[in-house]
Amino acid sequence: MDNSAKILIVGAGPAGLAMAGRLTKAGIDFDIIEKENTVGFMWSQHYDRLHLHTVKSMSALAHYPFPEHYPTFVSKNDLFNYYQDYAKHFNIKPSFGESLVSVTKNEKGWLVKTNKKAMVYQSVVFATGINRIPNYPKFQGLENFEGTKIHSREYKNPMPFIGKKTMVIGMGNTGAEIALDLAQNKVETYVSVRSEVNIVPLTLMGNPTQETAQKLAKLPNSIADTISNVVQKIAIGNLEKYGIKTPKLSPSAQLRETGKTPVIDLGTVAQIKQGKIKVFGVIQSIASNTLRFNDGTIEGFDALIFATGYKSKLEEFVPNITSFLDAYGNPKNEIGQNEFEGLFFLGFDNFKPGGILGAINEGSKEILSKIKSKVSINKTYE
């Protein structure tokens, strides 16, 4: 079945909304589908204490700033309400409860199959997110653990863990904040750190670190990296005696070269230094109520929280797309090329100092430009 809209956006989270807002502003028709029952659904599901780690001035969607009364670091509830308002402002009306099944190339364009229909589009914007599918490491014996075990996506607050000896597995931004939340609420808290960790303060001399990072990104890499290292040493210090090693790459170089966001410290480091969060190394295996670590230590636990990231799993939708994905399973470019021309990927770029929301804002602008050029060409030949 052909479609006059010609453009489909998959997902009505921040990336899908940003793209829809830009297309609406440009007067370009589109369809948008969302498997859940509301826009920005995942933000309503995050843990209770969550605030953005990026400043509001760099986290708003296109053509619609945050309300002035919002704090510098926006809460998850305020953010969810903002996405609701954004959809109303631009009259964005997704088809809710519609899930993508597959996207395949045919002679007319891209054949999109959902749980409700099959339709051909000239362009498909994937806004399904870098955090689509929870990732669980394959630990030997995990299935035998008899205590509580959840992924960080399921974590809401410390209440279910009070009185339980709890291990947070992974120390990215989510793991560090969940460990902090637990420790501040008198939960016996431990964290398993698999690799070296770059940690930076939330603010530096009263200014958000993100703004400093944006300024450093304009300098030559060697200068930016030197300043980044000095700031980290002054603000965070050497944590090796607590079980956390710092990589040779500076925080700015790590983001630039690997796309891995440094951990923004909200107070976790102080809790570690005070002994309220204890650090363990790599988990080797799991038994009914114990963990064995690579150094031979065996320790008992009542609960495990897996803060071990996500997978975007685009290969579930698009056949043979693996050649277009990087080592982390994310698109190498926001704009599909060669056999993937006509496909766009928004919300997968983790390599910018502005954070994922800042990258969404910039990426949606680039994708709009490409779509407008295609629309112009098509009209010329109509």
Protein backbone atom coordinates (compact mmCIF):
# COMPACT_ATOMS: atom_id res chain seq x y z
CA MET A 1 0.00 0.00 0.00
CA ASP A 2 1.39 3.42 -0.99
CA ASN A 3 1.35 6.36 1.38
CA SER A 4 1.01 10.08 0.65
CA ALA A 5 2.95 11.05 3.81
CA LYS A 6 6.09 9.35 2.47
CA ILE A 7 7.94 9.77 5.78
CA LEU A 8 7.56 7.56 8.86
CA ILE A 9 8.98 8.29 12.33
CA VAL A 10 9.33 5.21 14.53
CA GLY A 11 9.08 6.15 18.20
CA ALA A 12 7.60 9.12 20.06
CA GLY A 13 10.29 9.62 22.68
CA PRO A 14 12.51 12.73 22.61
CA ALA A 15 14.11 11.83 19.27
CA GLY A 16 10.82 11.10 17.53
CA LEU A 17 9.23 14.23 18.94
CA ALA A 18 12.18 16.42 17.90
CA MET A 19 11.97 15.09 14.35
CA ALA A 20 8.20 15.51 14.27
CA GLY A 21 8.49 19.08 15.55
CA ARG A 22 11.00 20.02 12.87
CA LEU A 23 8.97 18.40 10.07
CA THR A 24 5.80 20.12 11.29
CA LYS A 25 7.58 23.48 11.37
CA ALA A 26 8.82 22.85 7.81
CA GLY A 27 5.33 21.93 6.57
CA ILE A 28 6.30 18.36 5.64
CA ASP A 29 3.76 15.58 6.19
CA PHE A 30 4.74 12.45 8.11
CA ASP A 31 3.36 9.55 10.07
CA ILE A 32 4.61 8.65 13.54
CA ILE A 33 4.07 5.40 15.42
CA GLU A 34 4.64 4.60 19.09
CA LYS A 35 4.33 1.17 20.69
CA GLU A 36 3.34 2.60 24.10
CA ASN A 37 0.24 4.66 24.98
CA THR A 38 1.84 8.09 25.40
CA VAL A 39 4.72 10.23 24.16
CA GLY A 40 7.95 10.17 26.16
CA PHE A 41 6.80 6.96 27.83
CA MET A 42 10.22 5.74 28.99
CA TRP A 43 10.83 8.96 30.92
CA SER A 44 7.76 8.24 33.01
CA GLN A 45 9.26 4.86 33.91
CA HIS A 46 12.70 5.94 35.16
CA TYR A 47 13.72 5.81 38.82
CA ASP A 48 12.15 8.40 41.10
CA ARG A 49 15.15 10.63 41.90
CA LEU A 50 16.36 11.01 38.31
CA HIS A 51 17.20 14.45 36.99
CA LEU A 52 18.93 15.22 33.72
CA HIS A 53 22.70 15.38 34.07
CA THR A 54 22.73 17.85 31.19
CA VAL A 55 21.65 21.47 31.59
CA LYS A 56 18.20 22.48 30.39
CA SER A 57 19.56 25.05 27.92
CA MET A 58 21.22 22.21 26.00
CA SER A 59 18.49 19.61 26.46
CA ALA A 60 15.34 21.17 24.98
CA LEU A 61 13.83 19.93 21.73
CA ALA A 62 13.70 22.00 18.55
CA HIS A 63 11.69 25.25 18.52
CA TYR A 64 10.36 24.85 22.08
CA PRO A 65 12.47 25.85 25.11
CA PHE A 66 11.84 24.54 28.61
CA PRO A 67 9.65 26.72 30.86
CA GLU A 68 11.72 29.34 32.67
CA HIS A 69 10.73 28.02 36.11
CA TYR A 70 12.29 24.61 35.40
CA PRO A 71 15.55 24.08 37.33
CA THR A 72 18.94 23.87 35.61
CA PHE A 73 18.86 20.07 35.87
CA VAL A 74 15.33 19.01 34.93
CA SER A 75 13.57 16.24 36.87
CA LYS A 76 12.20 13.20 35.07
CA ASN A 77 8.63 14.22 35.93
CA ASP A 78 9.12 17.74 34.57
CA LEU A 79 10.74 16.28 31.47
CA PHE A 80 7.81 13.92 30.88
CA ASN A 81 5.38 16.84 31.21
CA TYR A 82 7.51 18.88 28.81
CA TYR A 83 7.27 16.12 26.18
CA GLN A 84 3.49 16.04 26.61
CA ASP A 85 3.37 19.81 26.08
CA TYR A 86 5.69 19.57 23.08
CA ALA A 87 3.37 17.09 21.36
CA LYS A 88 0.37 19.34 22.01
CA HIS A 89 2.19 22.46 20.82
CA PHE A 90 3.08 20.91 17.46
CA ASN A 91 -0.13 18.86 17.24
CA ILE A 92 1.88 15.64 17.05
CA LYS A 93 -0.53 12.70 17.12
CA PRO A 94 1.26 9.35 17.04
CA SER A 95 -0.49 6.09 16.30
CA PHE A 96 -0.23 4.61 19.79
CA GLY A 97 0.02 0.89 20.40
CA GLU A 98 1.64 0.40 17.00
CA SER A 99 4.87 -1.62 17.04
CA LEU A 100 7.40 -1.88 14.25
CA VAL A 101 7.94 -5.38 12.88
CA SER A 102 10.24 -4.91 9.89
CA VAL A 103 11.59 -2.45 7.32
CA THR A 104 12.69 -3.86 3.95
CA LYS A 105 13.68 -2.28 0.65
CA ASN A 106 11.51 -2.81 -2.42
CA GLU A 107 11.16 -1.18 -5.85
CA LYS A 108 8.88 1.58 -4.50
CA GLY A 109 10.81 2.51 -1.36
CA TRP A 110 10.83 1.05 2.14
CA LEU A 111 8.14 -1.47 2.98
CA VAL A 112 7.24 -1.00 6.63
CA LYS A 113 5.33 -3.70 8.47
CA THR A 114 3.84 -3.04 11.89
CA ASN A 115 1.45 -4.95 14.10
CA LYS A 116 -1.35 -2.95 12.43
CA LYS A 117 -0.44 -2.44 8.78
CA ALA A 118 2.00 -2.73 5.88
CA MET A 119 2.87 0.46 3.99
CA VAL A 120 5.57 1.85 1.70
CA TYR A 121 7.48 4.98 2.75
CA GLN A 122 10.23 6.90 0.97
CA SER A 123 11.99 7.70 4.25
CA VAL A 124 11.98 6.06 7.68
CA VAL A 125 13.38 7.83 10.75
CA PHE A 126 14.35 5.38 13.48
CA ALA A 127 13.86 7.07 16.85
CA THR A 128 13.69 3.83 18.79
CA GLY A 129 16.51 4.80 21.11
CA ILE A 130 19.93 3.70 22.19
CA ASN A 131 18.35 2.24 25.36
CA ARG A 132 15.76 -0.05 23.79
CA ILE A 133 16.66 -3.53 25.08
CA PRO A 134 18.16 -4.12 28.58
CA ASN A 135 21.56 -5.81 28.43
CA TYR A 136 22.43 -8.60 30.86
CA PRO A 137 26.02 -9.93 31.03
CA LYS A 138 26.31 -13.68 30.69
CA PHE A 139 27.53 -14.60 34.16
CA GLN A 140 28.05 -18.26 34.92
CA GLY A 141 25.34 -19.40 37.33
CA LEU A 142 23.17 -16.27 37.11
CA GLU A 143 20.05 -18.40 36.78
CA ASN A 144 20.83 -20.01 40.15
CA PHE A 145 20.77 -16.78 42.17
CA GLU A 146 17.91 -16.99 44.68
CA GLY A 147 17.74 -13.38 45.79
CA THR A 148 16.23 -10.32 44.11
CA LYS A 149 17.65 -9.57 40.66
CA ILE A 150 16.50 -6.74 38.42
CA HIS A 151 17.81 -4.58 35.59
CA SER A 152 18.22 -0.88 36.37
CA ARG A 153 15.26 -0.20 34.07
CA GLU A 154 13.03 -1.78 36.75
CA TYR A 155 14.56 0.17 39.66
CA LYS A 156 12.32 2.90 41.12
CA ASN A 157 13.58 3.68 44.64
CA PRO A 158 15.44 2.09 47.58
CA MET A 159 12.37 0.87 49.49
CA PRO A 160 12.39 -2.77 48.23
CA PHE A 161 16.11 -3.04 49.13
CA ILE A 162 16.07 -1.79 52.71
CA GLY A 163 17.51 -4.52 54.91
CA LYS A 164 19.05 -6.27 51.89
CA LYS A 165 22.75 -6.47 51.12
CA THR A 166 22.67 -5.12 47.58
CA MET A 167 25.18 -5.29 44.74
CA VAL A 168 24.91 -2.79 41.88
CA ILE A 169 26.63 -4.30 38.85
CA GLY A 170 28.13 -1.60 36.66
CA MET A 171 29.25 1.94 37.37
CA GLY A 172 28.13 4.09 34.52
CA ASN A 173 25.94 7.08 35.29
CA THR A 174 22.92 4.94 36.12
CA GLY A 175 24.80 2.48 38.33
CA ALA A 176 26.57 5.28 40.21
CA GLU A 177 23.32 7.13 40.91
CA ILE A 178 21.40 4.01 41.96
CA ALA A 179 24.24 3.09 44.34
CA LEU A 180 24.09 6.62 45.75
CA ASP A 181 20.31 6.41 46.16
CA LEU A 182 20.63 3.13 48.04
CA ALA A 183 23.49 4.26 50.29
CA GLN A 184 21.80 7.53 51.22
CA ASN A 185 18.81 5.51 52.37
CA LYS A 186 20.79 3.20 54.66
CA VAL A 187 20.90 0.21 52.30
CA GLU A 188 24.09 -1.86 52.60
CA THR A 189 25.46 -1.03 49.17
CA TYR A 190 28.19 -2.49 46.98
CA VAL A 191 29.16 -1.84 43.37
CA SER A 192 30.98 -4.10 40.93
CA VAL A 193 33.30 -2.15 38.64
CA ARG A 194 34.44 -4.08 35.59
CA SER A 195 36.75 -1.54 33.98
CA GLU A 196 38.41 1.84 34.44
CA VAL A 197 36.04 4.74 35.07
CA ASN A 198 36.27 8.41 34.18
CA ILE A 199 34.39 10.48 36.76
CA VAL A 200 33.73 14.22 36.58
CA PRO A 201 31.83 16.58 38.93
CA LEU A 202 28.31 17.75 38.10
CA THR A 203 29.42 21.35 38.54
CA LEU A 204 32.77 23.09 38.62
CA MET A 205 33.11 26.30 40.62
CA GLY A 206 29.36 26.74 40.44
CA ASN A 207 29.13 26.14 36.69
CA PRO A 208 27.71 22.97 35.11
CA THR A 209 30.53 20.73 33.91
CA GLN A 210 28.67 20.18 30.66
CA GLU A 211 29.08 23.85 29.78
CA THR A 212 32.81 23.56 30.48
CA ALA A 213 32.96 20.48 28.24
CA GLN A 214 31.29 22.40 25.42
CA LYS A 215 33.94 25.11 25.66
CA LEU A 216 36.76 22.54 25.79
CA ALA A 217 35.41 20.90 22.62
CA LYS A 218 36.26 24.10 20.72
CA LEU A 219 39.93 23.89 21.71
CA PRO A 220 42.64 21.71 20.11
CA ASN A 221 42.26 18.17 21.44
CA SER A 222 45.63 18.13 23.22
CA ILE A 223 44.80 21.29 25.20
CA ALA A 224 41.25 20.16 25.97
CA ASP A 225 42.48 16.78 27.20
CA THR A 226 45.11 18.34 29.47
CA ILE A 227 42.58 20.70 31.06
CA SER A 228 40.08 17.86 31.40
CA ASN A 229 42.62 15.71 33.24
CA VAL A 230 43.61 18.52 35.61
CA VAL A 231 39.98 19.28 36.45
CA GLN A 232 39.30 15.62 37.14
CA LYS A 233 42.30 15.22 39.45
CA ILE A 234 41.37 18.31 41.46
CA ALA A 235 37.64 17.61 41.71
CA ILE A 236 37.62 13.82 42.07
CA GLY A 237 41.11 12.74 43.10
CA ASN A 238 42.75 9.33 42.89
CA LEU A 239 40.25 6.58 43.69
CA GLU A 240 42.54 3.61 43.10
CA LYS A 241 42.81 2.74 46.80
CA TYR A 242 39.01 2.44 46.85
CA GLY A 243 39.02 0.02 43.92
CA ILE A 244 38.39 2.40 41.02
CA LYS A 245 41.03 3.01 38.37
CA THR A 246 41.03 6.01 36.05
CA PRO A 247 41.72 5.36 32.33
CA LYS A 248 44.58 6.99 30.47
CA LEU A 249 42.08 8.69 28.17
CA SER A 250 40.89 12.00 29.58
CA PRO A 251 37.12 12.40 30.03
CA SER A 252 36.91 14.56 26.90
CA ALA A 253 39.01 12.13 24.83
CA GLN A 254 36.94 9.17 26.04
CA LEU A 255 33.72 10.79 24.88
CA ARG A 256 35.23 11.94 21.61
CA GLU A 257 36.90 8.62 20.71
CA THR A 258 34.60 5.96 22.20
CA GLY A 259 31.23 7.64 22.72
CA LYS A 260 31.32 6.53 26.36
CA THR A 261 29.99 9.28 28.60
CA PRO A 262 32.06 9.99 31.73
CA VAL A 263 30.28 9.33 35.02
CA ILE A 264 28.89 12.60 36.35
CA ASP A 265 29.30 12.49 40.11
CA LEU A 266 26.25 13.43 42.16
CA GLY A 267 27.76 12.37 45.48
CA THR A 268 28.73 8.74 44.86
CA VAL A 269 32.44 9.44 45.23
CA ALA A 270 31.93 10.90 48.72
CA GLN A 271 29.93 7.83 49.74
CA ILE A 272 32.72 5.57 48.46
CA LYS A 273 35.38 7.54 50.34
CA GLN A 274 33.28 7.32 53.51
CA GLY A 275 32.96 3.55 53.12
CA LYS A 276 29.20 3.67 52.65
CA ILE A 277 29.54 2.19 49.16
CA LYS A 278 32.08 -0.62 48.88
CA VAL A 279 33.71 -1.40 45.55
CA PHE A 280 34.32 -4.90 44.19
CA GLY A 281 35.94 -5.95 40.94
CA VAL A 282 34.82 -8.20 38.10
CA ILE A 283 32.28 -10.94 38.84
CA GLN A 284 33.46 -14.38 37.78
CA SER A 285 30.42 -16.48 38.68
CA ILE A 286 27.18 -16.47 40.63
CA ALA A 287 25.73 -19.10 42.97
CA SER A 288 22.46 -19.31 44.93
CA ASN A 289 23.30 -16.39 47.22
CA THR A 290 26.97 -15.59 46.60
CA LEU A 291 29.16 -13.93 44.01
CA ARG A 292 32.70 -15.05 43.18
CA PHE A 293 35.01 -12.31 41.95
CA ASN A 294 38.09 -12.52 39.73
CA ASP A 295 40.42 -12.04 42.69
CA GLY A 296 38.97 -15.15 44.35
CA THR A 297 36.79 -13.28 46.85
CA ILE A 298 33.41 -14.87 47.61
CA GLU A 299 30.71 -12.69 49.13
CA GLY A 300 27.02 -13.21 49.89
CA PHE A 301 24.28 -10.85 48.65
CA ASP A 302 20.52 -10.55 48.92
CA ALA A 303 19.90 -8.49 45.79
CA LEU A 304 21.52 -7.72 42.43
CA ILE A 305 20.79 -4.64 40.32
CA PHE A 306 22.15 -4.84 36.79
CA ALA A 307 23.18 -1.36 35.64
CA THR A 308 24.76 -2.94 32.59
CA GLY A 309 23.36 -0.83 29.80
CA TYR A 310 21.19 -1.47 26.80
CA LYS A 311 21.23 -2.55 23.17
CA SER A 312 19.50 -0.74 20.32
CA LYS A 313 19.05 -4.00 18.33
CA LEU A 314 18.21 -2.35 15.00
CA GLU A 315 19.02 -5.64 13.30
CA GLU A 316 15.69 -6.94 14.61
CA PHE A 317 13.95 -4.52 12.23
CA VAL A 318 16.22 -4.12 9.19
CA PRO A 319 17.77 -7.16 7.45
CA ASN A 320 21.51 -7.03 6.80
CA ILE A 321 21.98 -3.72 8.61
CA THR A 322 24.91 -5.00 10.69
CA SER A 323 27.38 -3.63 8.12
CA PHE A 324 26.09 -0.14 8.94
CA LEU A 325 26.46 -0.59 12.71
CA ASP A 326 29.48 0.17 14.88
CA ALA A 327 31.08 -2.09 17.49
CA TYR A 328 28.37 -1.15 19.99
CA GLY A 329 25.54 -2.05 17.63
CA ASN A 330 24.60 1.55 16.87
CA PRO A 331 24.45 3.27 13.44
CA LYS A 332 27.73 4.68 12.18
CA ASN A 333 25.92 7.69 10.75
CA GLU A 334 22.59 9.43 11.28
CA ILE A 335 21.93 9.36 7.55
CA GLY A 336 21.68 5.98 5.81
CA GLN A 337 24.02 5.50 2.89
CA ASN A 338 24.19 3.25 -0.19
CA GLU A 339 21.70 0.40 0.26
CA PHE A 340 20.34 2.13 3.37
CA GLU A 341 19.61 5.46 1.68
CA GLY A 342 16.25 6.73 2.88
CA LEU A 343 16.77 5.45 6.41
CA PHE A 344 17.65 7.89 9.19
CA PHE A 345 18.77 7.20 12.75
CA LEU A 346 18.15 9.79 15.45
CA GLY A 347 19.11 9.46 19.10
CA PHE A 348 22.01 7.04 18.69
CA ASP A 349 24.94 9.49 18.68
CA ASN A 350 26.69 9.37 22.06
CA PHE A 351 29.91 11.08 20.95
CA LYS A 352 29.05 14.73 21.63
CA PRO A 353 29.71 16.75 24.82
CA GLY A 354 26.14 18.10 24.72
CA GLY A 355 24.72 14.74 25.76
CA ILE A 356 22.22 12.59 23.90
CA LEU A 357 19.49 15.27 23.99
CA GLY A 358 21.85 17.86 22.54
CA ALA A 359 22.83 15.36 19.84
CA ILE A 360 19.14 14.77 19.07
CA ASN A 361 18.62 18.49 18.55
CA GLU A 362 21.55 18.76 16.13
CA GLY A 363 20.85 15.45 14.42
CA SER A 364 17.21 16.28 13.74
CA LYS A 365 18.36 19.45 12.00
CA GLU A 366 20.72 17.49 9.72
CA ILE A 367 18.09 14.88 8.93
CA LEU A 368 15.51 17.58 8.13
CA SER A 369 17.94 19.17 5.69
CA LYS A 370 18.42 15.84 3.90
CA ILE A 371 14.68 15.12 3.82
CA LYS A 372 13.92 18.61 2.48
CA SER A 373 16.39 18.08 -0.36
CA LYS A 374 14.71 14.77 -1.24
CA VAL A 375 11.25 16.34 -1.11
CA SER A 376 12.45 19.14 -3.40
CA ILE A 377 13.91 16.65 -5.89
CA ASN A 378 10.74 14.54 -5.87
CA LYS A 379 8.55 17.60 -6.51
CA THR A 380 10.75 18.57 -9.46
CA TYR A 381 9.99 15.24 -11.15
CA GLU A 382 6.28 15.04 -10.22
